[in-house]
Amino acid sequence: MLKQSLQYKLSQKLSPQQIQLMKLIQLPTQAFEQRLKQEIEENPALENGKESLDDFEENIQDDFDDSESIDAQDINIDDYLSDDEIPSYKTQANNYSADDDEKSIPYAGGTTFNQHLLSQLHTFSFNEKEEIIAEFLIGSIDESGYIRRDLEDIIDDLAFTQNIFSNKKEIEKLLSTVQGLDPAGVGARNLNECLYIQLQRKKDNPSRKLALEIVDNSFDAFAKKHYKKILQKYNISEVELQDAILEIEKLNPKPGGAFMGSNKIAEQIVPDFTINIVDGELELNLNSRNAPELHVSREYNNLMLGYKESKNKTKSQRDAVLFIKQKLDAAKWFIDAIRQRQQTLFVTMNAIMRHQSDYFLTGDERKLKPMILKDIAETINMDISTVSRVANSKYCSTPYGTKLIKEFFSESMKNDQGEDVSTREIKKILEQVVEEEDKKKPYTDDKLAALLKEKSYPIARRTIAKYREQLDIPVARLRKKL
């Protein structure tokens, strides 16, 4: 038998305005500038540029009817038009500093990698079939300069897409031609073939001959740095092997790298904050570069005034004023949201700067204190998710370079004296120990753990391995040098 009952449930839901504000907070400077431009283009009631209050006789009041169901007849025009003086911050947002320079994002020009190869290919004499196959091979080359597909797959694709029937011998012959193009190593199917092609073009000398032999027949031992096996196999001295390795190290493992990202927007980091040291004190500034002054359109307010003074209000006028009210609401909210965004960013970064003041005053990463999102959220009385949005994709210009804000956060570990230390501090010391080691006998993870313990940081071997991987430090065997 079915039972019916009533239940009360409380739940929190973010309003559309709150969701939009969170999205604005998350945006870094460049993306925020684009968002401003988009809003100005989409909302004719929002304008950029300075608007003098002396010239702006009709101002928008701070409070107005937020009802979702609006009838134009019920609109109180006086809510938008008032003779009272209203502070400018309620109707405009100043996001531009006179010291800020307008800078355009640089574009990378030049010929694409594919075009560069095709232009060389057209200097060869091919019949129609060979030309199609050679161009298809070039089209199969990735940005790094490699062909990572099996020749059998290429043969099948030529048959299905180009109606060209070929065989492996013919493909390999044309591939050899492609591999003769510049840059050297292009069209290789794997790393050792790429290095081998480049070595073949170098001037002949004993080191180059040995390097060719190693890459062709002992590449696995070379990649794993099993130098003893190579010394025994070729009956050579360490000096001879060092010279051969030097020849290989001069080669380019990614011949297409110079053309990566051609004709794309070049990445440019714009700091969202700037920290300076003035008279021994830290000074924080929020970057508002290229962000225009915003105000509500005077023309739209004049339209509202005209509607108020009109005696005979037609249906088209009522529809128009309803549209105007919606745009004015959106413009006023957006200006307020920008002000909230700036305040949130500044308050959050200021708390981070104060927490890590020892680091910002000295630049010594070992003085970074343990700090998690919760620490800052409690300090500024905001939600952890808000702090995360501020820290996640924004940069800060410091006297020691431009830093990603989230890099200032780290967990804590206790040293042998029971004091909390930042994991960043431990990683920095680990980097120094590895940098100073004897590369002929690099330290194992067990040895690294013992050395850090001697420095008052008792850390397990598996933790050393984790930190080493996070720092992109290879295992001891791969750090070995002759």
Protein backbone atom coordinates (compact mmCIF):
# COMPACT_ATOMS: atom_id res chain seq x y z
CA MET A 1 0.00 0.00 0.00
CA LEU A 2 1.38 3.39 -1.00
CA LYS A 3 1.94 5.94 1.74
CA GLN A 4 1.96 9.66 1.21
CA SER A 5 3.95 11.99 3.38
CA LEU A 6 5.31 15.53 3.43
CA GLN A 7 8.98 16.24 3.94
CA TYR A 8 10.77 19.53 4.43
CA LYS A 9 14.20 19.88 2.92
CA LEU A 10 16.65 22.78 3.04
CA SER A 11 19.10 23.15 0.19
CA GLN A 12 21.43 25.84 -1.04
CA LYS A 13 21.46 26.82 -4.67
CA LEU A 14 23.61 29.43 -6.37
CA SER A 15 21.79 32.12 -8.31
CA PRO A 16 22.76 32.71 -11.95
CA GLN A 17 24.48 35.94 -10.85
CA GLN A 18 26.56 34.08 -8.25
CA ILE A 19 27.56 31.45 -10.80
CA GLN A 20 28.63 34.17 -13.24
CA LEU A 21 30.62 35.90 -10.48
CA MET A 22 32.47 32.66 -9.71
CA LYS A 23 33.31 32.32 -13.39
CA LEU A 24 34.63 35.89 -13.50
CA ILE A 25 36.80 35.28 -10.44
CA GLN A 26 38.33 32.21 -12.06
CA LEU A 27 39.38 34.06 -15.23
CA PRO A 28 43.02 35.21 -15.54
CA THR A 29 43.72 38.72 -16.85
CA GLN A 30 43.71 38.00 -20.59
CA ALA A 31 40.55 35.88 -20.48
CA PHE A 32 38.90 38.51 -18.27
CA GLU A 33 39.66 41.21 -20.84
CA GLN A 34 38.01 39.10 -23.54
CA ARG A 35 34.99 38.58 -21.29
CA LEU A 36 34.68 42.35 -20.81
CA LYS A 37 34.77 42.94 -24.57
CA GLN A 38 32.13 40.25 -25.11
CA GLU A 39 29.79 41.74 -22.50
CA ILE A 40 30.13 45.25 -23.95
CA GLU A 41 29.35 43.91 -27.44
CA GLU A 42 26.32 41.93 -26.26
CA ASN A 43 24.81 44.53 -23.93
CA PRO A 44 24.19 47.96 -25.53
CA ALA A 45 23.33 49.40 -22.09
CA LEU A 46 26.94 48.86 -20.99
CA GLU A 47 29.60 51.23 -22.27
CA ASN A 48 33.29 51.77 -21.72
CA GLY A 49 35.06 55.07 -21.30
CA LYS A 50 34.95 57.73 -18.64
CA GLU A 51 31.58 59.35 -17.97
CA SER A 52 31.59 62.56 -15.93
CA LEU A 53 28.98 62.74 -13.19
CA ASP A 54 28.51 66.45 -13.98
CA ASP A 55 27.37 65.53 -17.48
CA PHE A 56 25.51 62.45 -16.31
CA GLU A 57 22.38 64.09 -14.85
CA GLU A 58 20.28 60.94 -14.56
CA ASN A 59 21.81 58.16 -12.47
CA ILE A 60 20.72 54.67 -11.69
CA GLN A 61 19.70 53.93 -8.14
CA ASP A 62 21.40 51.08 -6.33
CA ASP A 63 18.25 49.18 -5.49
CA PHE A 64 15.59 48.21 -7.98
CA ASP A 65 12.88 45.62 -8.56
CA ASP A 66 14.53 42.21 -9.08
CA SER A 67 11.31 40.39 -9.92
CA GLU A 68 11.76 37.74 -12.61
CA SER A 69 8.26 38.38 -14.01
CA ILE A 70 8.21 41.99 -15.18
CA ASP A 71 5.33 43.90 -16.70
CA ALA A 72 6.30 47.09 -18.49
CA GLN A 73 3.31 48.90 -16.95
CA ASP A 74 4.62 48.06 -13.48
CA ILE A 75 8.12 49.41 -14.10
CA ASN A 76 8.89 52.28 -11.79
CA ILE A 77 10.94 54.64 -13.92
CA ASP A 78 12.03 56.53 -10.84
CA ASP A 79 13.95 53.43 -9.80
CA TYR A 80 16.28 54.20 -12.69
CA LEU A 81 16.06 57.99 -12.89
CA SER A 82 16.84 60.12 -9.87
CA ASP A 83 18.09 63.61 -9.16
CA ASP A 84 19.92 62.43 -6.04
CA GLU A 85 23.69 62.31 -6.27
CA ILE A 86 24.88 58.74 -6.27
CA PRO A 87 28.52 57.69 -5.75
CA SER A 88 30.18 56.90 -9.07
CA TYR A 89 31.22 53.43 -7.99
CA LYS A 90 27.57 52.34 -8.14
CA THR A 91 27.20 53.18 -11.82
CA GLN A 92 30.69 52.68 -13.19
CA ALA A 93 33.74 50.52 -12.65
CA ASN A 94 37.24 51.86 -13.11
CA ASN A 95 39.50 48.98 -14.11
CA TYR A 96 42.17 50.92 -15.94
CA SER A 97 45.32 52.38 -14.54
CA ALA A 98 47.14 55.22 -16.28
CA ASP A 99 50.38 53.34 -15.72
CA ASP A 100 49.15 50.28 -17.59
CA ASP A 101 50.34 49.89 -21.17
CA GLU A 102 48.17 48.37 -23.86
CA LYS A 103 49.95 45.40 -25.27
CA SER A 104 48.82 43.13 -28.07
CA ILE A 105 49.31 39.41 -28.01
CA PRO A 106 52.15 38.51 -30.38
CA TYR A 107 51.46 36.23 -33.31
CA ALA A 108 53.95 33.74 -34.63
CA GLY A 109 54.38 34.14 -38.36
CA GLY A 110 56.10 32.18 -41.08
CA THR A 111 55.55 29.00 -43.03
CA THR A 112 53.93 25.96 -41.48
CA PHE A 113 55.90 22.76 -41.08
CA ASN A 114 53.83 20.97 -43.72
CA GLN A 115 54.26 23.80 -46.24
CA HIS A 116 58.02 23.88 -45.59
CA LEU A 117 58.31 20.19 -46.45
CA LEU A 118 56.03 20.38 -49.50
CA SER A 119 58.00 23.27 -50.96
CA GLN A 120 61.15 21.10 -50.85
CA LEU A 121 59.34 18.08 -52.25
CA HIS A 122 58.27 20.02 -55.34
CA THR A 123 61.92 20.39 -56.35
CA PHE A 124 62.04 16.62 -57.08
CA SER A 125 60.89 14.97 -60.28
CA PHE A 126 58.03 12.48 -59.68
CA ASN A 127 55.40 10.87 -61.79
CA GLU A 128 51.77 11.53 -60.74
CA LYS A 129 51.48 8.44 -58.53
CA GLU A 130 54.80 9.03 -56.76
CA GLU A 131 53.92 12.66 -56.08
CA ILE A 132 50.60 11.70 -54.46
CA ILE A 133 52.31 9.11 -52.26
CA ALA A 134 55.12 11.47 -51.24
CA GLU A 135 52.63 14.22 -50.33
CA PHE A 136 50.59 11.67 -48.39
CA LEU A 137 53.70 10.68 -46.43
CA ILE A 138 54.36 14.33 -45.59
CA GLY A 139 50.76 14.65 -44.48
CA SER A 140 51.37 11.75 -42.09
CA ILE A 141 54.24 13.55 -40.31
CA ASP A 142 53.32 14.86 -36.86
CA GLU A 143 54.42 18.15 -35.28
CA SER A 144 57.54 16.55 -33.84
CA GLY A 145 58.64 15.44 -37.30
CA TYR A 146 57.84 11.70 -37.02
CA ILE A 147 55.73 9.26 -39.01
CA ARG A 148 54.24 7.14 -36.25
CA ARG A 149 52.06 4.93 -38.45
CA ASP A 150 52.86 1.52 -39.84
CA LEU A 151 53.61 1.51 -43.56
CA GLU A 152 50.91 -1.14 -44.03
CA ASP A 153 48.33 1.30 -42.64
CA ILE A 154 49.56 3.99 -45.01
CA ILE A 155 49.27 1.59 -47.95
CA ASP A 156 45.66 0.79 -46.94
CA ASP A 157 44.79 4.49 -46.55
CA LEU A 158 46.21 5.29 -49.98
CA ALA A 159 44.03 2.60 -51.52
CA PHE A 160 40.82 3.68 -49.74
CA THR A 161 41.19 7.46 -49.82
CA GLN A 162 43.33 8.17 -52.89
CA ASN A 163 42.58 5.10 -55.01
CA ILE A 164 46.35 4.56 -55.21
CA PHE A 165 47.60 0.99 -54.99
CA SER A 166 51.18 0.57 -53.88
CA ASN A 167 53.47 -1.81 -52.02
CA LYS A 168 55.91 -1.57 -49.11
CA LYS A 169 59.01 -1.40 -51.33
CA GLU A 170 57.64 1.57 -53.28
CA ILE A 171 56.57 3.35 -50.07
CA GLU A 172 60.00 2.83 -48.46
CA LYS A 173 61.72 4.27 -51.54
CA LEU A 174 59.64 7.45 -51.40
CA LEU A 175 59.99 7.59 -47.61
CA SER A 176 63.75 7.65 -48.10
CA THR A 177 63.29 10.75 -50.28
CA VAL A 178 61.10 12.41 -47.64
CA GLN A 179 63.71 11.61 -44.99
CA GLY A 180 66.23 13.49 -47.11
CA LEU A 181 64.34 16.75 -46.64
CA ASP A 182 65.26 19.43 -44.11
CA PRO A 183 65.33 19.53 -41.15
CA ALA A 184 67.49 16.44 -40.83
CA GLY A 185 65.67 13.56 -39.17
CA VAL A 186 62.22 14.43 -40.47
CA GLY A 187 60.06 11.47 -41.52
CA ALA A 188 61.72 9.04 -39.08
CA ARG A 189 59.53 6.33 -37.58
CA ASN A 190 61.23 6.24 -34.19
CA LEU A 191 63.92 8.03 -32.19
CA ASN A 192 66.91 5.89 -33.15
CA GLU A 193 66.04 6.21 -36.87
CA CYS A 194 65.76 9.98 -36.40
CA LEU A 195 69.19 10.17 -34.75
CA TYR A 196 70.69 7.82 -37.34
CA ILE A 197 69.48 10.01 -40.23
CA GLN A 198 71.02 13.09 -38.63
CA LEU A 199 74.33 11.32 -37.96
CA GLN A 200 74.56 10.24 -41.59
CA ARG A 201 74.58 13.89 -42.66
CA LYS A 202 77.38 14.89 -40.30
CA LYS A 203 81.03 15.06 -41.33
CA ASP A 204 82.89 11.79 -41.09
CA ASN A 205 85.10 11.28 -38.04
CA PRO A 206 85.81 8.40 -35.58
CA SER A 207 83.28 9.70 -33.02
CA ARG A 208 80.56 9.95 -35.64
CA LYS A 209 81.26 6.36 -36.88
CA LEU A 210 81.01 5.01 -33.33
CA ALA A 211 77.85 7.03 -32.68
CA LEU A 212 76.27 5.56 -35.84
CA GLU A 213 77.15 2.04 -34.68
CA ILE A 214 75.71 2.64 -31.21
CA VAL A 215 72.46 4.19 -32.48
CA ASP A 216 72.01 1.47 -35.12
CA ASN A 217 72.92 -1.62 -33.10
CA SER A 218 73.04 -0.73 -29.40
CA PHE A 219 70.36 1.91 -28.97
CA ASP A 220 68.55 0.10 -26.15
CA ALA A 221 71.74 -0.14 -24.07
CA PHE A 222 72.51 3.51 -24.83
CA ALA A 223 69.01 4.68 -23.83
CA LYS A 224 69.24 2.78 -20.54
CA LYS A 225 72.80 4.05 -19.99
CA HIS A 226 74.29 0.57 -19.76
CA TYR A 227 77.68 1.97 -20.66
CA LYS A 228 79.65 -1.03 -19.44
CA LYS A 229 77.91 -3.24 -22.00
CA ILE A 230 78.76 -0.78 -24.78
CA LEU A 231 82.42 -0.54 -23.67
CA GLN A 232 82.73 -4.34 -23.70
CA LYS A 233 80.87 -4.83 -26.97
CA TYR A 234 82.96 -2.38 -29.00
CA ASN A 235 86.17 -2.73 -26.99
CA ILE A 236 86.60 1.01 -26.65
CA SER A 237 87.80 3.39 -23.94
CA GLU A 238 85.59 5.66 -21.83
CA VAL A 239 87.00 8.69 -23.63
CA GLU A 240 85.97 7.28 -27.01
CA LEU A 241 82.49 6.54 -25.68
CA GLN A 242 82.21 10.03 -24.20
CA ASP A 243 83.06 11.56 -27.58
CA ALA A 244 80.44 9.39 -29.32
CA ILE A 245 77.80 10.30 -26.72
CA LEU A 246 78.64 13.96 -27.22
CA GLU A 247 77.97 13.56 -30.94
CA ILE A 248 74.57 12.06 -30.17
CA GLU A 249 73.68 14.73 -27.60
CA LYS A 250 74.14 17.41 -30.24
CA LEU A 251 71.31 15.92 -32.33
CA ASN A 252 67.70 17.09 -32.31
CA PRO A 253 65.24 14.43 -31.07
CA LYS A 254 62.30 16.50 -32.38
CA PRO A 255 63.22 17.89 -35.81
CA GLY A 256 59.77 19.41 -36.25
CA GLY A 257 60.00 21.31 -32.99
CA ALA A 258 61.10 24.57 -34.59
CA PHE A 259 57.81 24.70 -36.51
CA MET A 260 55.50 23.76 -33.62
CA GLY A 261 52.66 26.19 -33.19
CA SER A 262 53.34 28.12 -36.41
CA ASN A 263 50.70 30.76 -37.13
CA LYS A 264 49.14 30.30 -33.72
CA ILE A 265 48.88 32.82 -30.92
CA ALA A 266 52.12 32.81 -29.00
CA GLU A 267 51.64 32.12 -25.33
CA GLN A 268 52.17 35.16 -23.17
CA ILE A 269 51.83 35.22 -19.41
CA VAL A 270 50.22 38.36 -18.03
CA PRO A 271 50.64 38.61 -14.24
CA ASP A 272 47.36 39.18 -12.40
CA PHE A 273 49.18 40.67 -9.39
CA THR A 274 52.42 42.50 -8.73
CA ILE A 275 54.34 42.35 -5.45
CA ASN A 276 57.05 44.92 -4.80
CA ILE A 277 59.28 45.61 -1.81
CA VAL A 278 59.06 49.30 -0.83
CA ASP A 279 61.17 50.46 2.12
CA GLY A 280 61.37 46.91 3.40
CA GLU A 281 57.59 46.42 3.25
CA LEU A 282 55.57 44.32 0.81
CA GLU A 283 53.26 46.17 -1.57
CA LEU A 284 50.55 44.35 -3.54
CA ASN A 285 48.91 45.68 -6.71
CA LEU A 286 46.13 44.12 -8.75
CA ASN A 287 46.80 44.24 -12.48
CA SER A 288 43.91 45.85 -14.35
CA ARG A 289 45.69 46.28 -17.70
CA ASN A 290 43.47 46.90 -20.69
CA ALA A 291 40.31 46.72 -18.55
CA PRO A 292 38.19 49.74 -19.55
CA GLU A 293 36.15 52.03 -17.34
CA LEU A 294 32.55 50.85 -17.45
CA HIS A 295 29.33 52.79 -17.00
CA VAL A 296 25.67 52.42 -17.83
CA SER A 297 24.65 53.93 -21.16
CA ARG A 298 23.40 57.50 -20.90
CA GLU A 299 21.37 56.98 -24.06
CA TYR A 300 19.47 54.10 -22.48
CA ASN A 301 18.71 56.21 -19.44
CA ASN A 302 17.40 58.97 -21.72
CA LEU A 303 15.10 56.41 -23.35
CA MET A 304 13.73 55.53 -19.92
CA LEU A 305 13.24 59.23 -19.19
CA GLY A 306 11.36 59.66 -22.46
CA TYR A 307 9.08 56.76 -21.54
CA LYS A 308 8.38 58.35 -18.15
CA GLU A 309 7.44 61.69 -19.69
CA SER A 310 5.31 60.17 -22.43
CA LYS A 311 1.54 60.52 -21.82
CA ASN A 312 0.32 57.94 -24.34
CA LYS A 313 2.28 54.74 -23.82
CA THR A 314 1.88 52.32 -26.72
CA LYS A 315 2.42 48.57 -26.58
CA SER A 316 5.63 48.90 -28.59
CA GLN A 317 6.91 51.45 -26.06
CA ARG A 318 6.09 49.12 -23.20
CA ASP A 319 7.91 46.25 -24.95
CA ALA A 320 10.89 48.52 -25.56
CA VAL A 321 11.09 49.67 -21.96
CA LEU A 322 10.90 46.07 -20.77
CA PHE A 323 13.91 45.25 -22.98
CA ILE A 324 15.73 48.36 -21.72
CA LYS A 325 15.12 47.42 -18.10
CA GLN A 326 16.53 43.94 -18.65
CA LYS A 327 19.67 45.39 -20.25
CA LEU A 328 20.07 47.97 -17.49
CA ASP A 329 19.73 45.25 -14.87
CA ALA A 330 22.41 43.18 -16.59
CA ALA A 331 24.75 46.18 -17.00
CA LYS A 332 24.41 47.23 -13.36
CA TRP A 333 25.00 43.68 -12.14
CA PHE A 334 28.06 43.27 -14.36
CA ILE A 335 29.64 46.48 -13.04
CA ASP A 336 28.98 45.30 -9.48
CA ALA A 337 30.37 41.83 -10.28
CA ILE A 338 33.62 43.35 -11.57
CA ARG A 339 33.99 45.32 -8.36
CA GLN A 340 33.37 42.16 -6.31
CA ARG A 341 35.86 40.25 -8.45
CA GLN A 342 38.60 42.79 -7.89
CA GLN A 343 37.93 42.90 -4.15
CA THR A 344 37.98 39.09 -3.89
CA LEU A 345 41.21 38.78 -5.87
CA PHE A 346 42.96 41.48 -3.85
CA VAL A 347 41.85 40.20 -0.44
CA THR A 348 42.82 36.61 -1.30
CA MET A 349 46.25 37.45 -2.72
CA ASN A 350 46.94 39.84 0.15
CA ALA A 351 46.33 37.00 2.63
CA ILE A 352 48.67 34.73 0.64
CA MET A 353 51.33 37.45 0.57
CA ARG A 354 51.11 37.98 4.33
CA HIS A 355 51.25 34.25 5.02
CA GLN A 356 54.36 33.86 2.85
CA SER A 357 55.96 37.21 3.72
CA ASP A 358 59.32 35.59 4.59
CA TYR A 359 59.57 34.19 1.07
CA PHE A 360 58.46 37.39 -0.71
CA LEU A 361 60.98 39.45 1.26
CA THR A 362 63.93 37.13 0.55
CA GLY A 363 63.09 34.98 -2.50
CA ASP A 364 64.38 31.90 -0.64
CA GLU A 365 62.02 29.02 -1.47
CA ARG A 366 63.15 27.24 1.67
CA LYS A 367 61.26 29.92 3.60
CA LEU A 368 57.92 29.01 2.04
CA LYS A 369 55.61 28.02 4.89
CA PRO A 370 53.17 25.13 4.71
CA MET A 371 49.92 26.55 3.37
CA ILE A 372 46.74 24.93 2.09
CA LEU A 373 43.57 26.45 0.63
CA LYS A 374 41.77 26.07 3.94
CA ASP A 375 44.32 28.29 5.72
CA ILE A 376 43.62 31.23 3.40
CA ALA A 377 39.87 30.58 3.29
CA GLU A 378 39.68 30.82 7.09
CA THR A 379 41.81 33.97 7.14
CA ILE A 380 39.59 35.89 4.70
CA ASN A 381 36.35 34.17 5.75
CA MET A 382 35.56 32.86 2.29
CA ASP A 383 34.83 29.44 0.84
CA ILE A 384 37.71 27.14 -0.11
CA SER A 385 36.37 26.92 -3.68
CA THR A 386 36.70 30.70 -4.04
CA VAL A 387 40.35 30.61 -2.94
CA SER A 388 40.94 27.73 -5.36
CA ARG A 389 39.51 29.76 -8.26
CA VAL A 390 41.82 32.67 -7.45
CA ALA A 391 44.93 30.49 -7.11
CA ASN A 392 44.40 28.00 -9.91
CA SER A 393 45.26 29.85 -13.12
CA LYS A 394 46.68 33.20 -12.09
CA TYR A 395 50.21 34.55 -11.89
CA CYS A 396 51.99 37.01 -9.64
CA SER A 397 54.95 39.17 -10.63
CA THR A 398 57.51 39.20 -7.82
CA PRO A 399 61.05 40.59 -7.50
CA TYR A 400 62.19 37.00 -8.16
CA GLY A 401 60.20 36.36 -11.33
CA THR A 402 56.62 35.62 -12.34
CA LYS A 403 55.14 32.77 -10.33
CA LEU A 404 52.00 30.67 -10.59
CA ILE A 405 50.02 31.42 -7.43
CA LYS A 406 49.17 27.81 -6.67
CA GLU A 407 52.91 27.13 -6.34
CA PHE A 408 52.86 29.02 -3.04
CA PHE A 409 50.61 26.31 -1.60
CA SER A 410 52.11 23.14 -0.14
CA GLU A 411 51.42 20.56 2.50
CA SER A 412 53.41 20.25 5.70
CA MET A 413 55.71 17.60 7.10
CA LYS A 414 57.48 17.48 10.44
CA ASN A 415 61.25 17.55 10.71
CA ASP A 416 63.18 15.64 13.38
CA GLN A 417 62.60 18.53 15.77
CA GLY A 418 58.82 18.27 15.44
CA GLU A 419 58.49 21.52 13.48
CA ASP A 420 56.16 21.83 10.49
CA VAL A 421 58.05 22.41 7.26
CA SER A 422 56.77 22.87 3.72
CA THR A 423 57.08 20.02 1.25
CA ARG A 424 58.35 22.70 -1.18
CA GLU A 425 61.29 23.24 1.13
CA ILE A 426 62.05 19.52 1.13
CA LYS A 427 61.81 19.32 -2.66
CA LYS A 428 64.19 22.25 -3.01
CA ILE A 429 66.76 20.53 -0.80
CA LEU A 430 66.28 17.28 -2.75
CA GLU A 431 66.99 19.17 -6.00
CA GLN A 432 70.17 20.62 -4.53
CA VAL A 433 71.41 17.23 -3.34
CA VAL A 434 70.84 15.67 -6.78
CA GLU A 435 72.46 18.64 -8.51
CA GLU A 436 75.61 18.31 -6.36
CA GLU A 437 75.93 14.52 -6.63
CA ASP A 438 78.74 12.77 -8.50
CA LYS A 439 77.13 11.96 -11.87
CA LYS A 440 79.44 8.99 -12.29
CA LYS A 441 77.88 7.50 -9.15
CA PRO A 442 74.45 9.13 -8.72
CA TYR A 443 72.54 8.58 -5.49
CA THR A 444 69.86 5.93 -5.27
CA ASP A 445 66.53 6.76 -3.60
CA ASP A 446 67.68 4.96 -0.45
CA LYS A 447 70.83 7.08 -0.36
CA LEU A 448 68.84 10.27 -0.97
CA ALA A 449 66.53 9.38 1.93
CA ALA A 450 69.56 8.86 4.18
CA LEU A 451 71.10 12.20 3.12
CA LEU A 452 67.89 14.11 3.79
CA LYS A 453 67.59 12.42 7.16
CA GLU A 454 71.05 13.75 7.98
CA LYS A 455 69.70 17.21 7.13
CA SER A 456 66.88 16.75 9.71
CA TYR A 457 64.22 15.61 7.23
CA PRO A 458 63.23 11.99 8.00
CA ILE A 459 61.52 10.91 4.79
CA ALA A 460 60.73 7.41 3.57
CA ARG A 461 62.30 6.11 0.35
CA ARG A 462 58.91 5.89 -1.39
CA THR A 463 58.28 9.58 -0.56
CA ILE A 464 61.67 10.46 -2.07
CA ALA A 465 60.64 8.58 -5.22
CA LYS A 466 57.34 10.50 -5.35
CA TYR A 467 59.03 13.89 -4.95
CA ARG A 468 61.69 12.93 -7.50
CA GLU A 469 59.01 12.11 -10.09
CA GLN A 470 57.18 15.37 -9.35
CA LEU A 471 60.43 17.25 -9.97
CA ASP A 472 61.05 15.30 -13.23
CA ILE A 473 64.30 13.87 -11.85
CA PRO A 474 65.06 10.47 -13.44
CA VAL A 475 66.21 7.43 -11.49
CA ALA A 476 69.88 7.11 -10.57
CA ARG A 477 70.74 4.87 -13.52
CA LEU A 478 69.46 7.44 -16.02
CA ARG A 479 71.33 10.29 -14.29
CA LYS A 480 74.64 8.49 -14.70
CA LYS A 481 77.31 10.09 -16.87
CA LEU A 482 80.79 8.94 -17.86
